[in-house]
Amino acid sequence: MNVYQEIFEFAASAGALEGYVFKKENVPSKEFDDWIYNLLKQYETFPPDIREHFQESLDRTFGRAVHSLAPLLGSNHPHVVALRSMIKGEMPASSHDFDREKEEKATKFGD
C-alpha cells in the first residue's frame, strides 16, 4: 500500500475515534477493542521519520480522545493506556481544545 494512503487511512480512523467519543456519557469499551488495537498496530508500522510529520497533530487528536475516554473508562484502562502510548508530545488541555487547529487553519487559509 502507498504510504500516503496508509497515513490517510490512519488519520481518518484516528479522527473518527476522537469524534465518536467526544461528549459521550457512556461508551462500552468493547466497541473499541479492534479500533484502538488497529490504530496502535498501524502507528507502530510507520517509521519514525514518517511519524514525525504528523506526530504533533496526532498528539492533539489522541489527547482529546484520552480526555474523553479517561473519565468514562478510567485512566488505567488498556484503551486509554494504548492511546497515551502514541502521544509523544504535549496533550491538549481538554477534549474541547481545538484552538490550535483553528489558529493554524486561519493562518493558512484565512478567516
C-alpha atoms as a PDB file:
ATOM      1  CA  MET A   1       0.000   0.000   0.000  1.00  0.00           C
ATOM      2  CA  ASN A   2       1.157   3.546  -0.726  1.00  0.00           C
ATOM      3  CA  VAL A   3       2.478   5.378   2.372  1.00  0.00           C
ATOM      4  CA  TYR A   4       0.236   8.377   1.698  1.00  0.00           C
ATOM      5  CA  GLN A   5      -2.807   6.131   1.576  1.00  0.00           C
ATOM      6  CA  GLU A   6      -1.730   4.440   4.814  1.00  0.00           C
ATOM      7  CA  ILE A   7      -1.324   7.813   6.515  1.00  0.00           C
ATOM      8  CA  PHE A   8      -4.725   8.961   5.262  1.00  0.00           C
ATOM      9  CA  GLU A   9      -6.464   5.789   6.458  1.00  0.00           C
ATOM     10  CA  PHE A  10      -4.736   6.013   9.844  1.00  0.00           C
ATOM     11  CA  ALA A  11      -5.628   9.703  10.222  1.00  0.00           C
ATOM     12  CA  ALA A  12      -9.232   9.116   9.181  1.00  0.00           C
ATOM     13  CA  SER A  13      -9.616   6.337  11.736  1.00  0.00           C
ATOM     14  CA  ALA A  14      -7.932   8.415  14.471  1.00  0.00           C
ATOM     15  CA  GLY A  15     -10.168  11.411  13.755  1.00  0.00           C
ATOM     16  CA  ALA A  16     -13.262   9.231  13.635  1.00  0.00           C
ATOM     17  CA  LEU A  17     -12.401   7.772  17.041  1.00  0.00           C
ATOM     18  CA  GLU A  18     -11.923  11.244  18.511  1.00  0.00           C
ATOM     19  CA  GLY A  19     -15.259  12.383  17.117  1.00  0.00           C
ATOM     20  CA  TYR A  20     -17.071   9.238  18.206  1.00  0.00           C
ATOM     21  CA  VAL A  21     -16.058   9.523  21.865  1.00  0.00           C
ATOM     22  CA  PHE A  22     -16.419  13.319  22.097  1.00  0.00           C
ATOM     23  CA  LYS A  23     -19.017  14.371  24.700  1.00  0.00           C
ATOM     24  CA  LYS A  24     -20.180  10.806  25.308  1.00  0.00           C
ATOM     25  CA  GLU A  25     -21.570   9.920  28.708  1.00  0.00           C
ATOM     26  CA  ASN A  26     -21.302   6.175  28.287  1.00  0.00           C
ATOM     27  CA  VAL A  27     -19.216   4.070  25.922  1.00  0.00           C
ATOM     28  CA  PRO A  28     -18.912   0.298  26.070  1.00  0.00           C
ATOM     29  CA  SER A  29     -15.143  -0.252  25.903  1.00  0.00           C
ATOM     30  CA  LYS A  30     -15.628  -3.446  23.888  1.00  0.00           C
ATOM     31  CA  GLU A  31     -16.687  -1.268  20.936  1.00  0.00           C
ATOM     32  CA  PHE A  32     -13.108  -0.005  20.765  1.00  0.00           C
ATOM     33  CA  ASP A  33     -11.153  -3.244  21.116  1.00  0.00           C
ATOM     34  CA  ASP A  34     -10.389  -3.675  17.415  1.00  0.00           C
ATOM     35  CA  TRP A  35     -10.426   0.027  16.600  1.00  0.00           C
ATOM     36  CA  ILE A  36      -7.728   1.033  19.090  1.00  0.00           C
ATOM     37  CA  TYR A  37      -5.721  -2.156  18.562  1.00  0.00           C
ATOM     38  CA  ASN A  38      -5.647  -1.492  14.811  1.00  0.00           C
ATOM     39  CA  LEU A  39      -4.653   2.146  15.340  1.00  0.00           C
ATOM     40  CA  LEU A  40      -1.780   1.056  17.582  1.00  0.00           C
ATOM     41  CA  LYS A  41      -0.571  -1.528  15.078  1.00  0.00           C
ATOM     42  CA  GLN A  42      -0.808   0.968  12.209  1.00  0.00           C
ATOM     43  CA  TYR A  43       1.072   3.565  14.238  1.00  0.00           C
ATOM     44  CA  GLU A  44       3.835   1.096  15.041  1.00  0.00           C
ATOM     45  CA  THR A  45       4.332   0.250  11.358  1.00  0.00           C
ATOM     46  CA  PHE A  46       5.171   3.839  10.425  1.00  0.00           C
ATOM     47  CA  PRO A  47       8.901   4.538  10.512  1.00  0.00           C
ATOM     48  CA  PRO A  48       9.902   7.326  12.934  1.00  0.00           C
ATOM     49  CA  ASP A  49      10.798   9.684  10.062  1.00  0.00           C
ATOM     50  CA  ILE A  50       7.241   9.358   8.727  1.00  0.00           C
ATOM     51  CA  ARG A  51       5.624   9.702  12.166  1.00  0.00           C
ATOM     52  CA  GLU A  52       7.468  12.937  12.870  1.00  0.00           C
ATOM     53  CA  HIS A  53       5.477  14.627  10.093  1.00  0.00           C
ATOM     54  CA  PHE A  54       2.111  14.003  11.765  1.00  0.00           C
ATOM     55  CA  GLN A  55       3.013  13.336  15.419  1.00  0.00           C
ATOM     56  CA  GLU A  56       2.117  16.806  16.710  1.00  0.00           C
ATOM     57  CA  SER A  57      -1.348  16.638  15.146  1.00  0.00           C
ATOM     58  CA  LEU A  58      -1.795  13.086  16.401  1.00  0.00           C
ATOM     59  CA  ASP A  59      -0.855  14.166  19.927  1.00  0.00           C
ATOM     60  CA  ARG A  60      -3.714  16.657  19.848  1.00  0.00           C
ATOM     61  CA  THR A  61      -6.226  14.225  18.288  1.00  0.00           C
ATOM     62  CA  PHE A  62      -5.446  11.345  20.640  1.00  0.00           C
ATOM     63  CA  GLY A  63      -5.043  13.757  23.549  1.00  0.00           C
ATOM     64  CA  ARG A  64      -8.619  14.945  23.098  1.00  0.00           C
ATOM     65  CA  ALA A  65      -9.778  11.311  22.795  1.00  0.00           C
ATOM     66  CA  VAL A  66      -7.952  10.463  26.039  1.00  0.00           C
ATOM     67  CA  HIS A  67      -9.650  13.406  27.774  1.00  0.00           C
ATOM     68  CA  SER A  68     -12.998  11.995  26.618  1.00  0.00           C
ATOM     69  CA  LEU A  69     -12.326   8.334  27.441  1.00  0.00           C
ATOM     70  CA  ALA A  70     -10.386   8.524  30.722  1.00  0.00           C
ATOM     71  CA  PRO A  71     -13.346   9.772  32.813  1.00  0.00           C
ATOM     72  CA  LEU A  72     -15.552   7.032  31.370  1.00  0.00           C
ATOM     73  CA  LEU A  73     -13.162   4.073  31.397  1.00  0.00           C
ATOM     74  CA  GLY A  74     -10.513   5.120  33.921  1.00  0.00           C
ATOM     75  CA  SER A  75      -7.021   6.419  33.266  1.00  0.00           C
ATOM     76  CA  ASN A  76      -5.504   2.929  33.593  1.00  0.00           C
ATOM     77  CA  HIS A  77      -7.896   1.249  31.159  1.00  0.00           C
ATOM     78  CA  PRO A  78      -5.964  -0.517  28.367  1.00  0.00           C
ATOM     79  CA  HIS A  79      -7.596   1.653  25.689  1.00  0.00           C
ATOM     80  CA  VAL A  80      -6.556   4.873  27.421  1.00  0.00           C
ATOM     81  CA  VAL A  81      -3.056   3.478  28.024  1.00  0.00           C
ATOM     82  CA  ALA A  82      -2.758   2.463  24.341  1.00  0.00           C
ATOM     83  CA  LEU A  83      -3.771   5.920  23.147  1.00  0.00           C
ATOM     84  CA  ARG A  84      -1.382   7.592  25.600  1.00  0.00           C
ATOM     85  CA  SER A  85       1.448   5.372  24.317  1.00  0.00           C
ATOM     86  CA  MET A  86       1.094   7.017  20.895  1.00  0.00           C
ATOM     87  CA  ILE A  87       1.222  10.547  22.326  1.00  0.00           C
ATOM     88  CA  LYS A  88       4.809  11.765  22.314  1.00  0.00           C
ATOM     89  CA  GLY A  89       4.400  15.481  22.917  1.00  0.00           C
ATOM     90  CA  GLU A  90       2.038  17.864  24.588  1.00  0.00           C
ATOM     91  CA  MET A  91      -1.611  16.916  25.025  1.00  0.00           C
ATOM     92  CA  PRO A  92      -4.369  19.493  24.612  1.00  0.00           C
ATOM     93  CA  ALA A  93      -5.870  20.925  27.789  1.00  0.00           C
ATOM     94  CA  SER A  94      -9.241  19.208  27.281  1.00  0.00           C
ATOM     95  CA  SER A  95     -11.413  17.312  24.825  1.00  0.00           C
ATOM     96  CA  HIS A  96     -12.766  20.702  23.720  1.00  0.00           C
ATOM     97  CA  ASP A  97      -9.371  22.200  22.895  1.00  0.00           C
ATOM     98  CA  PHE A  98      -9.476  22.960  19.176  1.00  0.00           C
ATOM     99  CA  ASP A  99      -7.848  26.389  19.399  1.00  0.00           C
ATOM    100  CA  ARG A 100      -4.578  25.326  17.800  1.00  0.00           C
ATOM    101  CA  GLU A 101      -6.307  23.757  14.786  1.00  0.00           C
ATOM    102  CA  LYS A 102      -8.479  26.838  14.325  1.00  0.00           C
ATOM    103  CA  GLU A 103      -5.466  29.132  14.529  1.00  0.00           C
ATOM    104  CA  GLU A 104      -3.416  27.048  12.073  1.00  0.00           C
ATOM    105  CA  LYS A 105      -6.253  26.906   9.552  1.00  0.00           C
ATOM    106  CA  ALA A 106      -6.986  30.612   9.884  1.00  0.00           C
ATOM    107  CA  THR A 107      -3.321  31.402   9.253  1.00  0.00           C
ATOM    108  CA  LYS A 108      -3.093  29.048   6.304  1.00  0.00           C
ATOM    109  CA  PHE A 109      -6.463  29.643   4.657  1.00  0.00           C
ATOM    110  CA  GLY A 110      -7.641  32.967   6.072  1.00  0.00           C
ATOM    111  CA  ASP A 111     -10.527  33.724   8.373  1.00  0.00           C
END
